[in-house]
PDB file of N, CA and C in Angstrom:
ATOM      1  N   MET A   1       0.842  -1.175   0.000  1.00  0.00           N
ATOM      2  CA  MET A   1       0.000   0.000   0.000  1.00  0.00           C
ATOM      3  C   MET A   1       0.889   1.240   0.000  1.00  0.00           C
ATOM      4  N   LYS A   2       0.348   2.324  -0.575  1.00  0.00           N
ATOM      5  CA  LYS A   2       1.086   3.577  -0.656  1.00  0.00           C
ATOM      6  C   LYS A   2       0.154   4.716  -0.257  1.00  0.00           C
ATOM      7  N   ARG A   3       0.681   5.643   0.552  1.00  0.00           N
ATOM      8  CA  ARG A   3      -0.111   6.805   0.930  1.00  0.00           C
ATOM      9  C   ARG A   3      -0.274   7.698  -0.288  1.00  0.00           C
ATOM     10  N   LEU A   4      -1.518   7.957  -0.644  1.00  0.00           N
ATOM     11  CA  LEU A   4      -1.819   8.800  -1.796  1.00  0.00           C
ATOM     12  C   LEU A   4      -1.875  10.263  -1.380  1.00  0.00           C
ATOM     13  N   LEU A   5      -2.557  10.556  -0.269  1.00  0.00           N
ATOM     14  CA  LEU A   5      -2.681  11.935   0.175  1.00  0.00           C
ATOM     15  C   LEU A   5      -3.123  12.005   1.628  1.00  0.00           C
ATOM     16  N   THR A   6      -2.889  13.160   2.216  1.00  0.00           N
ATOM     17  CA  THR A   6      -3.367  13.474   3.556  1.00  0.00           C
ATOM     18  C   THR A   6      -4.434  14.552   3.413  1.00  0.00           C
ATOM     19  N   CYS A   7      -5.548  14.374   4.078  1.00  0.00           N
ATOM     20  CA  CYS A   7      -6.679  15.294   3.942  1.00  0.00           C
ATOM     21  C   CYS A   7      -6.823  16.178   5.175  1.00  0.00           C
ATOM     22  N   ALA A   8      -7.589  17.227   5.028  1.00  0.00           N
ATOM     23  CA  ALA A   8      -7.805  18.168   6.124  1.00  0.00           C
ATOM     24  C   ALA A   8      -8.695  17.589   7.213  1.00  0.00           C
ATOM     25  N   ASN A   9      -9.608  16.679   6.821  1.00  0.00           N
ATOM     26  CA  ASN A   9     -10.508  16.094   7.808  1.00  0.00           C
ATOM     27  C   ASN A   9     -10.977  14.719   7.339  1.00  0.00           C
ATOM     28  N   LEU A  10     -11.627  14.020   8.231  1.00  0.00           N
ATOM     29  CA  LEU A  10     -12.061  12.650   7.952  1.00  0.00           C
ATOM     30  C   LEU A  10     -13.131  12.597   6.869  1.00  0.00           C
ATOM     31  N   VAL A  11     -14.012  13.575   6.826  1.00  0.00           N
ATOM     32  CA  VAL A  11     -15.067  13.593   5.811  1.00  0.00           C
ATOM     33  C   VAL A  11     -14.458  13.673   4.412  1.00  0.00           C
ATOM     34  N   GLU A  12     -13.492  14.557   4.234  1.00  0.00           N
ATOM     35  CA  GLU A  12     -12.831  14.693   2.931  1.00  0.00           C
ATOM     36  C   GLU A  12     -12.110  13.411   2.552  1.00  0.00           C
ATOM     37  N   ALA A  13     -11.402  12.815   3.506  1.00  0.00           N
ATOM     38  CA  ALA A  13     -10.661  11.579   3.233  1.00  0.00           C
ATOM     39  C   ALA A  13     -11.600  10.462   2.826  1.00  0.00           C
ATOM     40  N   GLN A  14     -12.706  10.291   3.544  1.00  0.00           N
ATOM     41  CA  GLN A  14     -13.640   9.212   3.216  1.00  0.00           C
ATOM     42  C   GLN A  14     -14.316   9.455   1.882  1.00  0.00           C
ATOM     43  N   HIS A  15     -14.641  10.724   1.579  1.00  0.00           N
ATOM     44  CA  HIS A  15     -15.250  11.035   0.279  1.00  0.00           C
ATOM     45  C   HIS A  15     -14.312  10.653  -0.859  1.00  0.00           C
ATOM     46  N   LYS A  16     -13.042  11.027  -0.727  1.00  0.00           N
ATOM     47  CA  LYS A  16     -12.076  10.696  -1.780  1.00  0.00           C
ATOM     48  C   LYS A  16     -11.878   9.188  -1.893  1.00  0.00           C
ATOM     49  N   ALA A  17     -11.843   8.491  -0.774  1.00  0.00           N
ATOM     50  CA  ALA A  17     -11.730   7.031  -0.814  1.00  0.00           C
ATOM     51  C   ALA A  17     -12.957   6.423  -1.492  1.00  0.00           C
ATOM     52  N   ASN A  18     -14.135   6.955  -1.203  1.00  0.00           N
ATOM     53  CA  ASN A  18     -15.355   6.456  -1.845  1.00  0.00           C
ATOM     54  C   ASN A  18     -15.327   6.668  -3.349  1.00  0.00           C
ATOM     55  N   LEU A  19     -14.808   7.817  -3.813  1.00  0.00           N
ATOM     56  CA  LEU A  19     -14.673   8.054  -5.251  1.00  0.00           C
ATOM     57  C   LEU A  19     -13.777   7.009  -5.891  1.00  0.00           C
ATOM     58  N   LEU A  20     -12.670   6.698  -5.217  1.00  0.00           N
ATOM     59  CA  LEU A  20     -11.732   5.709  -5.756  1.00  0.00           C
ATOM     60  C   LEU A  20     -12.354   4.324  -5.781  1.00  0.00           C
ATOM     61  N   ILE A  21     -13.030   3.957  -4.707  1.00  0.00           N
ATOM     62  CA  ILE A  21     -13.667   2.640  -4.643  1.00  0.00           C
ATOM     63  C   ILE A  21     -14.722   2.504  -5.731  1.00  0.00           C
ATOM     64  N   ALA A  22     -15.499   3.562  -5.955  1.00  0.00           N
ATOM     65  CA  ALA A  22     -16.508   3.542  -7.011  1.00  0.00           C
ATOM     66  C   ALA A  22     -15.887   3.374  -8.385  1.00  0.00           C
ATOM     67  N   ALA A  23     -14.634   3.816  -8.542  1.00  0.00           N
ATOM     68  CA  ALA A  23     -13.924   3.675  -9.814  1.00  0.00           C
ATOM     69  C   ALA A  23     -13.199   2.329  -9.913  1.00  0.00           C
ATOM     70  N   GLY A  24     -13.359   1.479  -8.903  1.00  0.00           N
ATOM     71  CA  GLY A  24     -12.742   0.155  -8.939  1.00  0.00           C
ATOM     72  C   GLY A  24     -11.326   0.112  -8.405  1.00  0.00           C
ATOM     73  N   ILE A  25     -10.918   1.127  -7.678  1.00  0.00           N
ATOM     74  CA  ILE A  25      -9.569   1.183  -7.109  1.00  0.00           C
ATOM     75  C   ILE A  25      -9.667   0.923  -5.611  1.00  0.00           C
ATOM     76  N   HIS A  26      -8.922  -0.060  -5.141  1.00  0.00           N
ATOM     77  CA  HIS A  26      -8.927  -0.369  -3.708  1.00  0.00           C
ATOM     78  C   HIS A  26      -8.309   0.792  -2.957  1.00  0.00           C
ATOM     79  N   ALA A  27      -9.049   1.348  -1.992  1.00  0.00           N
ATOM     80  CA  ALA A  27      -8.567   2.482  -1.205  1.00  0.00           C
ATOM     81  C   ALA A  27      -8.950   2.278   0.254  1.00  0.00           C
ATOM     82  N   GLU A  28      -8.092   2.779   1.138  1.00  0.00           N
ATOM     83  CA  GLU A  28      -8.343   2.715   2.574  1.00  0.00           C
ATOM     84  C   GLU A  28      -8.115   4.089   3.181  1.00  0.00           C
ATOM     85  N   VAL A  29      -8.887   4.411   4.213  1.00  0.00           N
ATOM     86  CA  VAL A  29      -8.651   5.627   4.992  1.00  0.00           C
ATOM     87  C   VAL A  29      -7.950   5.196   6.272  1.00  0.00           C
ATOM     88  N   ARG A  30      -6.825   5.823   6.550  1.00  0.00           N
ATOM     89  CA  ARG A  30      -6.060   5.533   7.754  1.00  0.00           C
ATOM     90  C   ARG A  30      -5.922   6.803   8.585  1.00  0.00           C
ATOM     91  N   ASN A  31      -5.498   6.635   9.822  1.00  0.00           N
ATOM     92  CA  ASN A  31      -5.339   7.740  10.780  1.00  0.00           C
ATOM     93  C   ASN A  31      -6.684   8.384  11.102  1.00  0.00           C
ATOM     94  N   THR A  32      -7.708   7.578  11.242  1.00  0.00           N
ATOM     95  CA  THR A  32      -9.039   8.124  11.491  1.00  0.00           C
ATOM     96  C   THR A  32      -9.197   8.678  12.900  1.00  0.00           C
ATOM     97  N   TYR A  33      -8.349   8.269  13.838  1.00  0.00           N
ATOM     98  CA  TYR A  33      -8.512   8.698  15.228  1.00  0.00           C
ATOM     99  C   TYR A  33      -7.331   9.512  15.757  1.00  0.00           C
ATOM    100  N   LEU A  34      -6.447   9.974  14.889  1.00  0.00           N
ATOM    101  CA  LEU A  34      -5.265  10.692  15.355  1.00  0.00           C
ATOM    102  C   LEU A  34      -5.406  12.205  15.353  1.00  0.00           C
ATOM    103  N   ALA A  35      -6.541  12.730  14.948  1.00  0.00           N
ATOM    104  CA  ALA A  35      -6.698  14.190  14.864  1.00  0.00           C
ATOM    105  C   ALA A  35      -6.451  14.871  16.207  1.00  0.00           C
ATOM    106  N   GLY A  36      -6.786  14.219  17.287  1.00  0.00           N
ATOM    107  CA  GLY A  36      -6.568  14.794  18.608  1.00  0.00           C
ATOM    108  C   GLY A  36      -5.105  14.907  18.988  1.00  0.00           C
ATOM    109  N   ALA A  37      -4.244  14.249  18.260  1.00  0.00           N
ATOM    110  CA  ALA A  37      -2.818  14.280  18.571  1.00  0.00           C
ATOM    111  C   ALA A  37      -2.073  15.378  17.822  1.00  0.00           C
ATOM    112  N   VAL A  38      -2.774  16.138  16.961  1.00  0.00           N
ATOM    113  CA  VAL A  38      -2.117  17.221  16.230  1.00  0.00           C
ATOM    114  C   VAL A  38      -1.553  18.207  17.244  1.00  0.00           C
ATOM    115  N   GLY A  39      -0.337  18.570  17.037  1.00  0.00           N
ATOM    116  CA  GLY A  39       0.385  19.419  17.979  1.00  0.00           C
ATOM    117  C   GLY A  39       1.451  18.613  18.691  1.00  0.00           C
ATOM    118  N   ASP A  40       1.070  17.410  19.112  1.00  0.00           N
ATOM    119  CA  ASP A  40       2.059  16.507  19.682  1.00  0.00           C
ATOM    120  C   ASP A  40       2.838  15.803  18.577  1.00  0.00           C
ATOM    121  N   ILE A  41       2.147  15.531  17.480  1.00  0.00           N
ATOM    122  CA  ILE A  41       2.802  14.972  16.290  1.00  0.00           C
ATOM    123  C   ILE A  41       2.396  15.839  15.102  1.00  0.00           C
ATOM    124  N   PRO A  42       3.207  15.877  14.043  1.00  0.00           N
ATOM    125  CA  PRO A  42       2.898  16.739  12.895  1.00  0.00           C
ATOM    126  C   PRO A  42       1.573  16.361  12.226  1.00  0.00           C
ATOM    127  N   PHE A  43       0.883  17.366  11.665  1.00  0.00           N
ATOM    128  CA  PHE A  43      -0.384  17.114  10.976  1.00  0.00           C
ATOM    129  C   PHE A  43      -0.224  16.089   9.867  1.00  0.00           C
ATOM    130  N   VAL A  44       0.893  16.157   9.158  1.00  0.00           N
ATOM    131  CA  VAL A  44       1.118  15.221   8.050  1.00  0.00           C
ATOM    132  C   VAL A  44       1.052  13.779   8.536  1.00  0.00           C
ATOM    133  N   GLU A  45       1.425  13.565   9.777  1.00  0.00           N
ATOM    134  CA  GLU A  45       1.374  12.217  10.336  1.00  0.00           C
ATOM    135  C   GLU A  45       0.041  11.936  11.024  1.00  0.00           C
ATOM    136  N   ALA A  46      -0.649  12.972  11.502  1.00  0.00           N
ATOM    137  CA  ALA A  46      -1.869  12.768  12.275  1.00  0.00           C
ATOM    138  C   ALA A  46      -3.142  12.921  11.450  1.00  0.00           C
ATOM    139  N   GLY A  47      -3.074  13.623  10.334  1.00  0.00           N
ATOM    140  CA  GLY A  47      -4.271  13.843   9.519  1.00  0.00           C
ATOM    141  C   GLY A  47      -4.741  12.568   8.859  1.00  0.00           C
ATOM    142  N   PRO A  48      -6.038  12.486   8.549  1.00  0.00           N
ATOM    143  CA  PRO A  48      -6.560  11.311   7.866  1.00  0.00           C
ATOM    144  C   PRO A  48      -5.905  11.146   6.497  1.00  0.00           C
ATOM    145  N   GLN A  49      -5.544   9.928   6.178  1.00  0.00           N
ATOM    146  CA  GLN A  49      -4.817   9.642   4.946  1.00  0.00           C
ATOM    147  C   GLN A  49      -5.595   8.662   4.079  1.00  0.00           C
ATOM    148  N   VAL A  50      -5.460   8.814   2.773  1.00  0.00           N
ATOM    149  CA  VAL A  50      -6.032   7.876   1.812  1.00  0.00           C
ATOM    150  C   VAL A  50      -4.879   7.070   1.231  1.00  0.00           C
ATOM    151  N   TRP A  51      -4.982   5.763   1.328  1.00  0.00           N
ATOM    152  CA  TRP A  51      -3.964   4.842   0.830  1.00  0.00           C
ATOM    153  C   TRP A  51      -4.547   3.984  -0.288  1.00  0.00           C
ATOM    154  N   VAL A  52      -3.706   3.668  -1.287  1.00  0.00           N
ATOM    155  CA  VAL A  52      -4.091   2.796  -2.401  1.00  0.00           C
ATOM    156  C   VAL A  52      -3.007   1.746  -2.604  1.00  0.00           C
ATOM    157  N   ASN A  53      -3.326   0.746  -3.410  1.00  0.00           N
ATOM    158  CA  ASN A  53      -2.324  -0.254  -3.740  1.00  0.00           C
ATOM    159  C   ASN A  53      -1.172   0.396  -4.482  1.00  0.00           C
ATOM    160  N   ALA A  54       0.034   0.010  -4.134  1.00  0.00           N
ATOM    161  CA  ALA A  54       1.217   0.559  -4.805  1.00  0.00           C
ATOM    162  C   ALA A  54       1.230   0.098  -6.263  1.00  0.00           C
ATOM    163  N   GLY A  55       1.857   0.867  -7.098  1.00  0.00           N
ATOM    164  CA  GLY A  55       1.989   0.482  -8.501  1.00  0.00           C
ATOM    165  C   GLY A  55       1.016   1.217  -9.392  1.00  0.00           C
ATOM    166  N   HIS A  56       0.333   0.464 -10.242  1.00  0.00           N
ATOM    167  CA  HIS A  56      -0.522   1.076 -11.261  1.00  0.00           C
ATOM    168  C   HIS A  56      -1.715   1.826 -10.680  1.00  0.00           C
ATOM    169  N   ASP A  57      -2.180   1.479  -9.488  1.00  0.00           N
ATOM    170  CA  ASP A  57      -3.338   2.160  -8.905  1.00  0.00           C
ATOM    171  C   ASP A  57      -3.057   3.610  -8.528  1.00  0.00           C
ATOM    172  N   VAL A  58      -1.816   3.964  -8.282  1.00  0.00           N
ATOM    173  CA  VAL A  58      -1.492   5.319  -7.826  1.00  0.00           C
ATOM    174  C   VAL A  58      -1.846   6.341  -8.903  1.00  0.00           C
ATOM    175  N   GLN A  59      -1.366   6.170 -10.101  1.00  0.00           N
ATOM    176  CA  GLN A  59      -1.662   7.140 -11.162  1.00  0.00           C
ATOM    177  C   GLN A  59      -3.137   7.108 -11.528  1.00  0.00           C
ATOM    178  N   ALA A  60      -3.731   5.930 -11.553  1.00  0.00           N
ATOM    179  CA  ALA A  60      -5.163   5.833 -11.837  1.00  0.00           C
ATOM    180  C   ALA A  60      -5.965   6.566 -10.769  1.00  0.00           C
ATOM    181  N   ALA A  61      -5.553   6.432  -9.516  1.00  0.00           N
ATOM    182  CA  ALA A  61      -6.237   7.114  -8.413  1.00  0.00           C
ATOM    183  C   ALA A  61      -6.121   8.630  -8.549  1.00  0.00           C
ATOM    184  N   LEU A  62      -4.944   9.108  -8.883  1.00  0.00           N
ATOM    185  CA  LEU A  62      -4.752  10.549  -9.071  1.00  0.00           C
ATOM    186  C   LEU A  62      -5.621  11.063 -10.215  1.00  0.00           C
ATOM    187  N   ASN A  63      -5.749  10.278 -11.279  1.00  0.00           N
ATOM    188  CA  ASN A  63      -6.585  10.662 -12.416  1.00  0.00           C
ATOM    189  C   ASN A  63      -8.056  10.741 -12.017  1.00  0.00           C
ATOM    190  N   VAL A  64      -8.528   9.769 -11.229  1.00  0.00           N
ATOM    191  CA  VAL A  64      -9.921   9.771 -10.776  1.00  0.00           C
ATOM    192  C   VAL A  64     -10.204  11.003  -9.925  1.00  0.00           C
ATOM    193  N   LEU A  65      -9.305  11.307  -8.988  1.00  0.00           N
ATOM    194  CA  LEU A  65      -9.517  12.459  -8.119  1.00  0.00           C
ATOM    195  C   LEU A  65      -9.437  13.775  -8.881  1.00  0.00           C
ATOM    196  N   ALA A  66      -8.553  13.850  -9.865  1.00  0.00           N
ATOM    197  CA  ALA A  66      -8.460  15.068 -10.682  1.00  0.00           C
ATOM    198  C   ALA A  66      -9.739  15.271 -11.486  1.00  0.00           C
ATOM    199  N   ALA A  67     -10.290  14.184 -12.034  1.00  0.00           N
ATOM    200  CA  ALA A  67     -11.538  14.290 -12.797  1.00  0.00           C
ATOM    201  C   ALA A  67     -12.690  14.714 -11.896  1.00  0.00           C
ATOM    202  N   ALA A  68     -12.706  14.231 -10.668  1.00  0.00           N
ATOM    203  CA  ALA A  68     -13.776  14.594  -9.728  1.00  0.00           C
ATOM    204  C   ALA A  68     -13.684  16.060  -9.315  1.00  0.00           C
ATOM    205  N   ASP A  69     -12.484  16.612  -9.307  1.00  0.00           N
ATOM    206  CA  ASP A  69     -12.300  18.010  -8.926  1.00  0.00           C
ATOM    207  C   ASP A  69     -12.711  18.986 -10.014  1.00  0.00           C
ATOM    208  N   ARG A  70     -12.754  18.505 -11.252  1.00  0.00           N
ATOM    209  CA  ARG A  70     -13.174  19.385 -12.344  1.00  0.00           C
ATOM    210  C   ARG A  70     -14.676  19.620 -12.243  1.00  0.00           C
ATOM    211  N   VAL A  71     -15.073  20.854 -12.355  1.00  0.00           N
ATOM    212  CA  VAL A  71     -16.483  21.217 -12.256  1.00  0.00           C
ATOM    213  C   VAL A  71     -17.144  20.994 -13.618  1.00  0.00           C
ATOM    214  N   ALA A  72     -18.269  20.317 -13.588  1.00  0.00           N
ATOM    215  CA  ALA A  72     -19.030  20.136 -14.825  1.00  0.00           C
ATOM    216  C   ALA A  72     -19.547  21.499 -15.269  1.00  0.00           C
ATOM    217  N   SER A  73     -19.445  21.761 -16.544  1.00  0.00           N
ATOM    218  CA  SER A  73     -19.845  23.077 -17.043  1.00  0.00           C
ATOM    219  C   SER A  73     -21.065  22.957 -17.952  1.00  0.00           C
ATOM    220  N   ASP A  74     -22.172  22.458 -17.387  1.00  0.00           N
ATOM    221  CA  ASP A  74     -23.408  22.422 -18.161  1.00  0.00           C
ATOM    222  C   ASP A  74     -23.878  23.855 -18.388  1.00  0.00           C
ATOM    223  N   PRO A  75     -24.458  24.115 -19.539  1.00  0.00           N
ATOM    224  CA  PRO A  75     -24.917  25.486 -19.810  1.00  0.00           C
ATOM    225  C   PRO A  75     -26.143  25.839 -18.959  1.00  0.00           C
ATOM    226  N   ASP A  76     -26.284  27.116 -18.661  1.00  0.00           N
ATOM    227  CA  ASP A  76     -27.488  27.575 -17.984  1.00  0.00           C
ATOM    228  C   ASP A  76     -28.685  27.282 -18.881  1.00  0.00           C
ATOM    229  N   TRP A  77     -29.860  27.176 -18.279  1.00  0.00           N
ATOM    230  CA  TRP A  77     -31.058  26.869 -19.055  1.00  0.00           C
ATOM    231  C   TRP A  77     -32.241  27.680 -18.527  1.00  0.00           C
ATOM    232  N   VAL A  78     -33.291  27.739 -19.323  1.00  0.00           N
ATOM    233  CA  VAL A  78     -34.497  28.465 -18.953  1.00  0.00           C
ATOM    234  C   VAL A  78     -35.625  27.446 -18.822  1.00  0.00           C
ATOM    235  N   CYS A  79     -36.334  27.507 -17.697  1.00  0.00           N
ATOM    236  CA  CYS A  79     -37.423  26.574 -17.444  1.00  0.00           C
ATOM    237  C   CYS A  79     -38.518  26.744 -18.498  1.00  0.00           C
ATOM    238  N   ALA A  80     -38.918  25.649 -19.113  1.00  0.00           N
ATOM    239  CA  ALA A  80     -39.954  25.691 -20.147  1.00  0.00           C
ATOM    240  C   ALA A  80     -41.330  25.943 -19.550  1.00  0.00           C
ATOM    241  N   GLU A  81     -41.498  25.662 -18.256  1.00  0.00           N
ATOM    242  CA  GLU A  81     -42.807  25.836 -17.609  1.00  0.00           C
ATOM    243  C   GLU A  81     -43.056  27.269 -17.156  1.00  0.00           C
ATOM    244  N   CYS A  82     -42.053  27.895 -16.506  1.00  0.00           N
ATOM    245  CA  CYS A  82     -42.288  29.224 -15.918  1.00  0.00           C
ATOM    246  C   CYS A  82     -41.347  30.305 -16.439  1.00  0.00           C
ATOM    247  N   GLY A  83     -40.336  29.928 -17.243  1.00  0.00           N
ATOM    248  CA  GLY A  83     -39.424  30.910 -17.820  1.00  0.00           C
ATOM    249  C   GLY A  83     -38.305  31.362 -16.894  1.00  0.00           C
ATOM    250  N   GLU A  84     -38.160  30.725 -15.738  1.00  0.00           N
ATOM    251  CA  GLU A  84     -37.121  31.092 -14.772  1.00  0.00           C
ATOM    252  C   GLU A  84     -35.741  30.687 -15.301  1.00  0.00           C
ATOM    253  N   PRO A  85     -34.751  31.602 -15.301  1.00  0.00           N
ATOM    254  CA  PRO A  85     -33.389  31.208 -15.676  1.00  0.00           C
ATOM    255  C   PRO A  85     -32.765  30.364 -14.550  1.00  0.00           C
ATOM    256  N   ILE A  86     -32.130  29.249 -14.922  1.00  0.00           N
ATOM    257  CA  ILE A  86     -31.568  28.297 -13.965  1.00  0.00           C
ATOM    258  C   ILE A  86     -30.099  28.072 -14.302  1.00  0.00           C
ATOM    259  N   GLU A  87     -29.261  28.005 -13.271  1.00  0.00           N
ATOM    260  CA  GLU A  87     -27.842  27.713 -13.480  1.00  0.00           C
ATOM    261  C   GLU A  87     -27.677  26.259 -13.948  1.00  0.00           C
ATOM    262  N   GLY A  88     -26.630  26.026 -14.734  1.00  0.00           N
ATOM    263  CA  GLY A  88     -26.424  24.748 -15.395  1.00  0.00           C
ATOM    264  C   GLY A  88     -26.276  23.541 -14.499  1.00  0.00           C
ATOM    265  N   GLN A  89     -25.806  23.712 -13.261  1.00  0.00           N
ATOM    266  CA  GLN A  89     -25.585  22.547 -12.406  1.00  0.00           C
ATOM    267  C   GLN A  89     -26.881  21.995 -11.811  1.00  0.00           C
ATOM    268  N   PHE A  90     -28.006  22.722 -11.987  1.00  0.00           N
ATOM    269  CA  PHE A  90     -29.275  22.275 -11.423  1.00  0.00           C
ATOM    270  C   PHE A  90     -30.105  21.545 -12.465  1.00  0.00           C
ATOM    271  N   ALA A  91     -30.777  20.464 -12.037  1.00  0.00           N
ATOM    272  CA  ALA A  91     -31.601  19.662 -12.939  1.00  0.00           C
ATOM    273  C   ALA A  91     -33.083  19.933 -12.749  1.00  0.00           C
ATOM    274  N   GLN A  92     -33.424  20.790 -11.768  1.00  0.00           N
ATOM    275  CA  GLN A  92     -34.822  21.075 -11.503  1.00  0.00           C
ATOM    276  C   GLN A  92     -34.994  22.569 -11.253  1.00  0.00           C
ATOM    277  N   CYS A  93     -36.111  23.107 -11.713  1.00  0.00           N
ATOM    278  CA  CYS A  93     -36.414  24.524 -11.517  1.00  0.00           C
ATOM    279  C   CYS A  93     -36.767  24.775 -10.058  1.00  0.00           C
ATOM    280  N   TRP A  94     -36.139  25.777  -9.456  1.00  0.00           N
ATOM    281  CA  TRP A  94     -36.437  26.076  -8.060  1.00  0.00           C
ATOM    282  C   TRP A  94     -37.694  26.937  -7.927  1.00  0.00           C
ATOM    283  N   GLN A  95     -38.175  27.460  -9.029  1.00  0.00           N
ATOM    284  CA  GLN A  95     -39.387  28.292  -9.002  1.00  0.00           C
ATOM    285  C   GLN A  95     -40.649  27.425  -9.020  1.00  0.00           C
ATOM    286  N   CYS A  96     -40.716  26.490  -9.979  1.00  0.00           N
ATOM    287  CA  CYS A  96     -41.945  25.710 -10.137  1.00  0.00           C
ATOM    288  C   CYS A  96     -41.755  24.208  -9.950  1.00  0.00           C
ATOM    289  N   GLY A  97     -40.501  23.747  -9.872  1.00  0.00           N
ATOM    290  CA  GLY A  97     -40.235  22.316  -9.656  1.00  0.00           C
ATOM    291  C   GLY A  97     -40.146  21.481 -10.915  1.00  0.00           C
ATOM    292  N   ALA A  98     -40.299  22.095 -12.087  1.00  0.00           N
ATOM    293  CA  ALA A  98     -40.214  21.340 -13.338  1.00  0.00           C
ATOM    294  C   ALA A  98     -38.784  20.831 -13.541  1.00  0.00           C
ATOM    295  N   MET A  99     -38.673  19.650 -14.133  1.00  0.00           N
ATOM    296  CA  MET A  99     -37.357  19.056 -14.393  1.00  0.00           C
ATOM    297  C   MET A  99     -36.755  19.643 -15.663  1.00  0.00           C
ATOM    298  N   ARG A 100     -35.459  19.680 -15.699  1.00  0.00           N
ATOM    299  CA  ARG A 100     -34.701  20.163 -16.861  1.00  0.00           C
ATOM    300  C   ARG A 100     -34.961  19.204 -18.026  1.00  0.00           C
ATOM    301  N   PRO A 101     -35.235  19.731 -19.214  1.00  0.00           N
ATOM    302  CA  PRO A 101     -35.397  18.838 -20.368  1.00  0.00           C
ATOM    303  C   PRO A 101     -34.017  18.362 -20.849  1.00  0.00           C
ATOM    304  N   PHE A 102     -33.872  17.078 -20.997  1.00  0.00           N
ATOM    305  CA  PHE A 102     -32.622  16.502 -21.511  1.00  0.00           C
ATOM    306  C   PHE A 102     -32.872  15.964 -22.898  1.00  0.00           C
ATOM    307  N   ALA A 103     -32.036  16.353 -23.830  1.00  0.00           N
ATOM    308  CA  ALA A 103     -32.217  15.940 -25.218  1.00  0.00           C
ATOM    309  C   ALA A 103     -31.594  14.600 -25.475  1.00  0.00           C
TER     310      ALA A 103
END
């Protein structure tokens, strides 16, 4: 196993591990209970860490996380029911509840 990254908190570490697992990459979160030791030991050693299998999984894991960090840039749309302008990341109109039409 190889340490891929150290995260700011356990939620971030588990989310990233879940992304990797969903992509078929074996990942583990370690140091889940060491946050209270920060100050006595360096954060790099105490922060929650995401580990993957050494070798080919490392670059694949980095690619998965980089793709997840990219923001989808769907175009803004106008609700066909009420005419409300909606930002692209939303699939439902917040004015009337109508769903975004997908072609």
